[in-house]
Amino acid sequence: MRILQIREQPVRLRGDVENAVVNFAEHTVSIVAVVSDVRRGGEPVAGVAFNSIGRHAQSSIIRDRMAPRILGADPEALLHDGDGAPSAARLDPARVLACVLRDEKPGGHGDRASAAAAIELACWDLNAKLSDEPAYETIARHFGRPIISNRIPVYAAGGYYRPGNSLAELRAEIRSYLDQGYDSVKIKIGGVPLAEDLARIDAARGILDGGQHLAVDANGRFDRQTALDYAKALGPYGLRWYEEPGDPLDYALIRDVIDTYGGAVATGENLFSIADVRNLVRYAGLRPERDLVQMDAGLSYGLTEYGGMLEVLAEHGIDRSSAFPHGGHLINLHIAVGLGLGGCESYPGVFGPFGGYSPGCTISDGRIAPADDPGFGLEAKPDLAGVIADLLA
């Protein structure tokens, strides 16, 4: 098997919402297709993925640097070893990633990590389609995990700042998530003064019957003092977690918040490498029995790197059940199920066409299982199907 083409297309997210740092009205995502020479039904089989949500499209990096390296490589050098010889049937995502990163200096991950991830994840989708199985099965088998289509915990990520920021509108939004089968919700903080955020938390807790089903996310907005002020104010609410209080690389700030705040702290979505995660667990004071980690393979070189992150966590006594990947979409749902993680995020009302799941993924009692569509099942998501058709046309 060989790769014939790598196609990339930037797609603008739908919706005009804000967190404490970013207005997503102008945000784009790179969707990528790795087109193989295997044909089924008269059409080439293509793996499709995207670079998650929250970082802009990586068109130039993919088209000008990474795709030419892959297309110029020896095709057999990109294949999986089977009994000591390259397999003609499957790509090796780790080898593809190594090729993508040829002549790239270490460190300075940023946009490069997202670009590489889109390509690497598309290889997983392609391999699963070639095996005519859902991606979670391919992932589990590769990492030596049991293949179980478990329903896993899922929470609705919402409560973004919108024009007006009415408490009545926030209450209605929370009710809509409960009606859809979610039992836990995350809302944003840090975009308004503390007193207003506390009023929003009170409104959400009133719908959720307490704080144990409510998480809050500052998106890295706060300086040390503000992060600690919020930690002290949030303590009595009994929240599910307090997420990204400050800069994601300020491990001392995270440690100070953990020392001050009695509840769970969540972080990691903006860490893009194994080295970053190693420093997090060395210096941020994470409590293995309480705190959560939210690294996202779509932002951090793909599933190969993400698997290495889980190994680092395990070395420091942090179980994979503490991992809840950022990015509420189909790719991370398959990763969470395939790797046996603690659960995943969901974007039921924002970030179309990428956010949320396909109709075959049913949610009830706060849990979800992926459908059995081949690969990540992106083509089964109605608002994504047309985007993919245009990409492959």
Protein backbone atom coordinates (compact mmCIF):
# COMPACT_ATOMS: atom_id res chain seq x y z
CA MET A 1 0.00 0.00 0.00
CA ARG A 2 1.14 3.53 -0.63
CA ILE A 3 -0.10 7.05 0.02
CA LEU A 4 -1.15 8.76 -3.20
CA GLN A 5 -2.21 12.16 -1.85
CA ILE A 6 -2.49 14.20 1.30
CA ARG A 7 -5.29 16.73 1.08
CA GLU A 8 -5.95 19.55 3.55
CA GLN A 9 -8.76 22.04 3.79
CA PRO A 10 -9.31 24.80 6.37
CA VAL A 11 -12.88 24.88 7.70
CA ARG A 12 -14.32 27.71 9.74
CA LEU A 13 -16.06 26.78 12.99
CA ARG A 14 -19.73 27.68 13.30
CA GLY A 15 -20.93 29.85 16.14
CA ASP A 16 -19.98 33.06 17.87
CA VAL A 17 -18.96 32.13 21.42
CA GLU A 18 -16.18 33.19 23.75
CA ASN A 19 -14.27 31.85 26.70
CA ALA A 20 -12.17 34.03 28.98
CA VAL A 21 -9.39 34.29 26.37
CA VAL A 22 -10.65 33.47 22.85
CA ASN A 23 -13.50 34.55 20.59
CA PHE A 24 -14.05 31.60 18.27
CA ALA A 25 -15.86 33.52 15.52
CA GLU A 26 -12.74 33.54 13.32
CA HIS A 27 -11.40 30.10 14.24
CA THR A 28 -10.64 27.47 11.64
CA VAL A 29 -9.72 23.78 11.72
CA SER A 30 -7.59 21.74 9.28
CA ILE A 31 -9.33 18.63 8.01
CA VAL A 32 -6.93 16.20 6.33
CA ALA A 33 -7.34 13.18 4.07
CA VAL A 34 -4.58 10.60 3.59
CA VAL A 35 -5.56 8.97 0.28
CA SER A 36 -4.29 5.44 -0.34
CA ASP A 37 -3.95 3.36 -3.50
CA VAL A 38 -6.39 0.76 -2.11
CA ARG A 39 -9.70 0.98 -3.92
CA ARG A 40 -13.12 -0.13 -2.75
CA GLY A 41 -16.31 0.41 -4.67
CA GLY A 42 -14.27 2.08 -7.36
CA GLU A 43 -12.97 4.79 -4.99
CA PRO A 44 -9.65 5.06 -3.14
CA VAL A 45 -9.82 4.41 0.60
CA ALA A 46 -8.88 7.57 2.50
CA GLY A 47 -8.21 8.20 6.16
CA VAL A 48 -9.72 11.44 7.46
CA ALA A 49 -9.00 13.41 10.63
CA PHE A 50 -8.62 16.97 11.90
CA ASN A 51 -6.41 18.86 14.32
CA SER A 52 -8.99 19.07 17.11
CA ILE A 53 -10.54 22.37 18.20
CA GLY A 54 -9.07 25.49 19.74
CA ARG A 55 -6.03 25.99 17.50
CA HIS A 56 -6.27 27.51 14.04
CA ALA A 57 -5.92 25.54 10.78
CA GLN A 58 -2.38 24.47 9.89
CA SER A 59 -2.66 24.65 6.10
CA SER A 60 0.81 25.93 5.26
CA ILE A 61 2.68 23.62 7.63
CA ILE A 62 0.81 20.59 6.29
CA ARG A 63 0.97 21.46 2.61
CA ASP A 64 4.43 23.00 2.38
CA ARG A 65 6.46 20.98 4.90
CA MET A 66 4.83 17.80 6.04
CA ALA A 67 2.94 16.40 3.06
CA PRO A 68 5.96 16.62 0.69
CA ARG A 69 8.09 14.64 3.17
CA ILE A 70 5.57 11.80 3.24
CA LEU A 71 4.95 11.75 -0.50
CA GLY A 72 8.69 11.74 -1.15
CA ALA A 73 9.44 8.89 1.26
CA ASP A 74 9.96 5.24 0.39
CA PRO A 75 6.40 3.82 0.70
CA GLU A 76 7.62 0.68 2.47
CA ALA A 77 9.33 2.81 5.12
CA LEU A 78 5.89 4.00 6.24
CA LEU A 79 4.34 0.57 6.67
CA HIS A 80 3.84 -1.51 9.78
CA ASP A 81 6.23 -4.37 10.41
CA GLY A 82 4.56 -7.77 10.21
CA ASP A 83 6.75 -10.75 11.15
CA GLY A 84 9.85 -8.73 10.44
CA ALA A 85 8.80 -7.48 7.01
CA PRO A 86 6.78 -4.41 6.02
CA SER A 87 3.09 -5.17 5.77
CA ALA A 88 1.47 -4.29 2.47
CA ALA A 89 -1.81 -3.61 4.22
CA ARG A 90 -1.29 -1.02 6.96
CA LEU A 91 0.47 2.25 7.66
CA ASP A 92 2.54 2.58 10.81
CA PRO A 93 1.39 5.90 12.33
CA ALA A 94 4.62 6.20 14.33
CA ARG A 95 6.72 5.88 11.18
CA VAL A 96 4.52 8.40 9.39
CA LEU A 97 4.94 10.80 12.31
CA ALA A 98 8.72 10.37 12.28
CA CYS A 99 8.74 11.15 8.56
CA VAL A 100 6.53 14.19 9.07
CA LEU A 101 8.93 15.56 11.69
CA ARG A 102 12.12 15.01 9.70
CA ASP A 103 14.45 18.04 9.98
CA GLU A 104 12.28 19.64 12.69
CA LYS A 105 14.10 20.85 15.80
CA PRO A 106 12.92 19.60 19.20
CA GLY A 107 10.82 21.86 21.40
CA GLY A 108 8.68 24.77 20.27
CA HIS A 109 5.72 22.51 19.63
CA GLY A 110 2.75 24.84 19.06
CA ASP A 111 1.10 24.74 15.64
CA ARG A 112 3.50 22.06 14.38
CA ALA A 113 2.07 19.62 16.92
CA SER A 114 -1.46 20.18 15.65
CA ALA A 115 -0.46 19.85 12.01
CA ALA A 116 1.35 16.57 12.58
CA ALA A 117 -1.55 15.27 14.65
CA ALA A 118 -4.07 15.74 11.86
CA ILE A 119 -1.96 13.61 9.52
CA GLU A 120 -1.08 10.96 12.11
CA LEU A 121 -4.70 10.55 13.21
CA ALA A 122 -5.82 10.21 9.60
CA CYS A 123 -3.53 7.17 9.40
CA TRP A 124 -5.43 5.55 12.28
CA ASP A 125 -8.70 6.24 10.49
CA LEU A 126 -7.32 4.71 7.29
CA ASN A 127 -6.07 1.58 9.04
CA ALA A 128 -9.42 1.06 10.75
CA LYS A 129 -11.29 1.48 7.47
CA LEU A 130 -9.01 -1.03 5.77
CA SER A 131 -9.91 -3.48 8.55
CA ASP A 132 -13.59 -2.48 8.26
CA GLU A 133 -13.79 -1.80 11.99
CA PRO A 134 -14.35 1.21 14.26
CA ALA A 135 -11.20 3.06 15.26
CA TYR A 136 -11.51 2.18 18.95
CA GLU A 137 -10.92 -1.49 18.03
CA THR A 138 -7.82 -0.66 15.97
CA ILE A 139 -6.51 1.55 18.78
CA ALA A 140 -7.14 -1.00 21.52
CA ARG A 141 -5.46 -3.79 19.57
CA HIS A 142 -2.40 -1.67 18.78
CA PHE A 143 -1.89 -0.69 22.43
CA GLY A 144 -2.58 -4.17 23.79
CA ARG A 145 -5.87 -3.18 25.39
CA PRO A 146 -9.05 -5.28 25.57
CA ILE A 147 -11.50 -4.43 22.79
CA ILE A 148 -14.56 -3.30 24.72
CA SER A 149 -17.27 -0.99 23.41
CA ASN A 150 -18.01 0.39 26.86
CA ARG A 151 -20.25 3.34 27.52
CA ILE A 152 -17.95 5.86 29.16
CA PRO A 153 -18.63 9.03 31.16
CA VAL A 154 -19.16 12.16 29.10
CA TYR A 155 -19.85 15.76 30.08
CA ALA A 156 -21.31 18.65 28.10
CA ALA A 157 -18.89 21.55 27.60
CA GLY A 158 -20.92 24.73 27.38
CA GLY A 159 -21.61 27.85 29.39
CA TYR A 160 -19.64 30.01 26.99
CA TYR A 161 -19.94 33.77 27.14
CA ARG A 162 -22.52 34.96 24.65
CA PRO A 163 -24.02 38.38 23.95
CA GLY A 164 -26.18 39.31 26.93
CA ASN A 165 -24.91 36.52 29.24
CA SER A 166 -28.37 36.17 30.74
CA LEU A 167 -28.64 33.80 33.70
CA ALA A 168 -31.99 32.64 32.37
CA GLU A 169 -30.32 31.68 29.09
CA LEU A 170 -27.60 29.82 30.96
CA ARG A 171 -30.21 27.89 32.96
CA ALA A 172 -32.04 26.99 29.75
CA GLU A 173 -28.79 25.79 28.19
CA ILE A 174 -28.02 23.55 31.17
CA ARG A 175 -31.55 22.10 31.08
CA SER A 176 -31.12 21.29 27.40
CA TYR A 177 -28.03 19.21 28.17
CA LEU A 178 -29.89 17.25 30.83
CA ASP A 179 -32.69 16.64 28.34
CA GLN A 180 -30.12 15.20 25.89
CA GLY A 181 -28.89 12.63 28.43
CA TYR A 182 -25.91 14.42 30.02
CA ASP A 183 -25.66 14.57 33.79
CA SER A 184 -22.54 16.76 34.09
CA VAL A 185 -21.70 20.13 32.56
CA LYS A 186 -18.71 22.45 32.34
CA ILE A 187 -19.05 26.23 32.10
CA LYS A 188 -16.57 29.03 31.52
CA ILE A 189 -15.23 31.43 34.12
CA GLY A 190 -12.81 34.37 34.00
CA GLY A 191 -14.53 36.42 31.31
CA VAL A 192 -16.45 38.56 33.79
CA PRO A 193 -15.71 39.73 37.35
CA LEU A 194 -15.63 37.09 40.09
CA ALA A 195 -19.01 38.09 41.54
CA GLU A 196 -20.70 37.63 38.17
CA ASP A 197 -19.01 34.26 37.65
CA LEU A 198 -20.21 33.13 41.07
CA ALA A 199 -23.76 34.11 40.09
CA ARG A 200 -23.41 32.00 36.93
CA ILE A 201 -22.14 29.07 39.01
CA ASP A 202 -25.07 29.43 41.38
CA ALA A 203 -27.48 29.41 38.43
CA ALA A 204 -25.91 26.27 36.95
CA ARG A 205 -25.75 24.45 40.31
CA GLY A 206 -29.42 25.12 40.83
CA ILE A 207 -30.28 23.20 37.67
CA LEU A 208 -27.77 20.41 38.33
CA ASP A 209 -28.87 19.88 41.94
CA GLY A 210 -25.49 20.70 43.42
CA GLY A 211 -21.88 21.25 42.42
CA GLN A 212 -20.73 17.66 42.01
CA HIS A 213 -21.94 17.63 38.40
CA LEU A 214 -20.53 21.08 37.51
CA ALA A 215 -16.97 21.90 36.42
CA VAL A 216 -15.54 25.35 35.67
CA ASP A 217 -12.84 26.34 33.18
CA ALA A 218 -10.73 29.52 33.22
CA ASN A 219 -8.86 28.62 30.00
CA GLY A 220 -5.52 29.73 31.44
CA ARG A 221 -6.67 33.32 31.94
CA PHE A 222 -5.57 34.09 35.49
CA ASP A 223 -2.38 35.39 36.99
CA ARG A 224 -1.31 33.75 40.24
CA GLN A 225 -3.23 36.02 42.59
CA THR A 226 -6.47 35.88 40.61
CA ALA A 227 -6.19 32.10 40.30
CA LEU A 228 -5.84 31.84 44.07
CA ASP A 229 -8.70 34.29 44.67
CA TYR A 230 -10.95 32.12 42.54
CA ALA A 231 -9.68 28.97 44.25
CA LYS A 232 -10.70 30.35 47.65
CA ALA A 233 -14.08 31.54 46.37
CA LEU A 234 -14.85 28.27 44.57
CA GLY A 235 -13.87 26.01 47.48
CA PRO A 236 -17.28 25.92 49.20
CA TYR A 237 -19.17 25.04 46.01
CA GLY A 238 -18.12 21.38 45.87
CA LEU A 239 -17.47 21.52 42.13
CA ARG A 240 -16.41 18.58 40.00
CA TRP A 241 -13.20 20.40 39.07
CA TYR A 242 -11.49 23.78 38.54
CA GLU A 243 -9.80 23.75 35.13
CA GLU A 244 -6.75 25.57 33.75
CA PRO A 245 -6.56 28.40 36.26
CA GLY A 246 -3.41 29.92 34.73
CA ASP A 247 -0.81 29.56 32.03
CA PRO A 248 -0.57 25.82 31.25
CA LEU A 249 3.24 25.86 31.49
CA ASP A 250 3.33 27.66 34.84
CA TYR A 251 3.60 24.52 36.94
CA ALA A 252 4.34 26.50 40.10
CA LEU A 253 1.04 28.35 39.72
CA ILE A 254 -0.81 25.05 39.29
CA ARG A 255 0.88 23.69 42.40
CA ASP A 256 -0.13 26.78 44.39
CA VAL A 257 -3.75 26.41 43.27
CA ILE A 258 -3.76 22.72 44.21
CA ASP A 259 -2.34 23.60 47.63
CA THR A 260 -5.07 26.24 48.13
CA TYR A 261 -8.10 24.60 46.53
CA GLY A 262 -9.51 21.54 48.23
CA GLY A 263 -11.30 20.13 45.20
CA ALA A 264 -10.05 18.57 41.97
CA VAL A 265 -7.95 20.59 39.52
CA ALA A 266 -7.87 19.75 35.79
CA THR A 267 -5.17 20.75 33.33
CA GLY A 268 -3.14 19.53 30.36
CA GLU A 269 -5.13 20.39 27.24
CA ASN A 270 -2.45 22.84 26.14
CA LEU A 271 0.49 20.50 26.66
CA PHE A 272 1.69 19.14 23.33
CA SER A 273 4.52 16.74 24.09
CA ILE A 274 5.69 13.93 26.34
CA ALA A 275 8.30 16.30 27.78
CA ASP A 276 5.60 18.82 28.76
CA VAL A 277 3.61 16.14 30.54
CA ARG A 278 6.70 14.87 32.32
CA ASN A 279 7.33 18.36 33.68
CA LEU A 280 3.67 18.67 34.68
CA VAL A 281 3.76 15.56 36.85
CA ARG A 282 7.20 16.41 38.23
CA TYR A 283 6.47 19.96 39.31
CA ALA A 284 2.73 20.77 39.43
CA GLY A 285 1.87 18.73 42.51
CA LEU A 286 -0.91 16.70 40.89
CA ARG A 287 -2.74 14.36 43.27
CA PRO A 288 -3.16 10.99 41.53
CA GLU A 289 -6.36 10.20 43.43
CA ARG A 290 -8.06 13.52 42.67
CA ASP A 291 -6.80 15.69 39.81
CA LEU A 292 -7.53 15.24 36.09
CA VAL A 293 -5.38 15.48 32.97
CA GLN A 294 -6.83 16.62 29.64
CA MET A 295 -4.19 16.24 26.94
CA ASP A 296 -5.63 16.05 23.43
CA ALA A 297 -4.02 13.84 20.78
CA GLY A 298 -5.33 16.14 18.05
CA LEU A 299 -3.24 19.00 19.44
CA SER A 300 -0.16 17.00 20.37
CA TYR A 301 1.33 15.08 17.44
CA GLY A 302 -1.39 12.43 17.44
CA LEU A 303 -2.00 9.13 19.15
CA THR A 304 1.62 7.98 19.10
CA GLU A 305 2.68 10.88 21.31
CA TYR A 306 -0.45 10.58 23.41
CA GLY A 307 0.36 6.95 24.20
CA GLY A 308 3.75 8.10 25.48
CA MET A 309 2.04 10.68 27.68
CA LEU A 310 -0.03 7.93 29.30
CA GLU A 311 3.17 6.01 30.01
CA VAL A 312 4.62 9.04 31.80
CA LEU A 313 1.46 9.36 33.89
CA ALA A 314 1.65 5.68 34.84
CA GLU A 315 5.30 6.06 35.89
CA HIS A 316 4.18 8.72 38.36
CA GLY A 317 1.26 6.75 39.75
CA ILE A 318 -1.49 8.51 37.78
CA ASP A 319 -3.99 6.04 36.37
CA ARG A 320 -5.42 6.48 32.87
CA SER A 321 -8.86 6.78 34.49
CA SER A 322 -7.75 10.33 35.40
CA ALA A 323 -7.47 11.22 31.69
CA PHE A 324 -10.41 13.09 30.15
CA PRO A 325 -9.20 14.39 26.76
CA HIS A 326 -10.07 17.93 25.75
CA GLY A 327 -12.05 18.25 22.52
CA GLY A 328 -15.62 16.98 22.43
CA HIS A 329 -15.67 15.13 19.13
CA LEU A 330 -15.70 11.66 17.57
CA ILE A 331 -11.93 11.20 17.34
CA ASN A 332 -11.42 11.64 21.07
CA LEU A 333 -14.42 9.46 21.85
CA HIS A 334 -12.78 6.55 20.00
CA ILE A 335 -9.44 7.27 21.70
CA ALA A 336 -11.03 7.35 25.16
CA VAL A 337 -12.85 4.04 24.58
CA GLY A 338 -9.92 2.33 22.85
CA LEU A 339 -7.43 3.29 25.55
CA GLY A 340 -9.77 2.80 28.51
CA LEU A 341 -9.63 6.41 29.71
CA GLY A 342 -11.80 7.98 32.40
CA GLY A 343 -14.17 9.65 29.98
CA CYS A 344 -14.38 12.45 27.45
CA GLU A 345 -15.71 15.88 26.72
CA SER A 346 -18.62 16.70 24.41
CA TYR A 347 -19.53 19.81 22.42
CA PRO A 348 -23.28 19.33 21.94
CA GLY A 349 -24.03 22.93 21.03
CA VAL A 350 -20.81 24.55 19.78
CA PHE A 351 -17.96 24.20 17.30
CA GLY A 352 -19.85 22.70 14.38
CA PRO A 353 -19.28 20.89 12.12
CA PHE A 354 -16.60 19.13 14.21
CA GLY A 355 -18.04 19.26 17.72
CA GLY A 356 -20.36 16.57 18.99
CA TYR A 357 -21.05 13.04 17.84
CA SER A 358 -22.84 11.13 15.09
CA PRO A 359 -26.47 9.97 15.46
CA GLY A 360 -25.33 6.42 16.26
CA CYS A 361 -23.64 7.59 19.47
CA THR A 362 -26.41 7.64 22.03
CA ILE A 363 -26.06 9.42 25.37
CA SER A 364 -27.97 8.42 28.48
CA ASP A 365 -27.31 8.76 32.20
CA GLY A 366 -24.17 10.75 31.42
CA ARG A 367 -22.50 7.95 29.47
CA ILE A 368 -21.83 7.32 25.77
CA ALA A 369 -20.49 4.62 23.46
CA PRO A 370 -19.20 5.10 19.91
CA ALA A 371 -21.09 3.74 16.93
CA ASP A 372 -19.57 0.93 14.88
CA ASP A 373 -18.98 2.92 11.70
CA PRO A 374 -15.56 2.15 10.16
CA GLY A 375 -12.74 4.40 11.33
CA PHE A 376 -13.63 7.41 13.45
CA GLY A 377 -17.03 7.52 11.76
CA LEU A 378 -16.66 11.15 10.72
CA GLU A 379 -18.56 10.51 7.49
CA ALA A 380 -21.58 9.41 9.56
CA LYS A 381 -21.83 12.86 11.16
CA PRO A 382 -24.32 14.72 8.93
CA ASP A 383 -22.76 18.17 9.18
CA LEU A 384 -19.28 16.75 8.48
CA ALA A 385 -20.22 14.47 5.59
CA GLY A 386 -20.42 17.30 3.06
CA VAL A 387 -17.10 18.76 4.23
CA ILE A 388 -15.41 15.41 3.72
CA ALA A 389 -17.06 14.93 0.32
CA ASP A 390 -15.68 18.31 -0.79
CA LEU A 391 -12.23 17.41 0.51
CA LEU A 392 -12.15 14.17 -1.47
CA ALA A 393 -13.84 15.50 -4.63
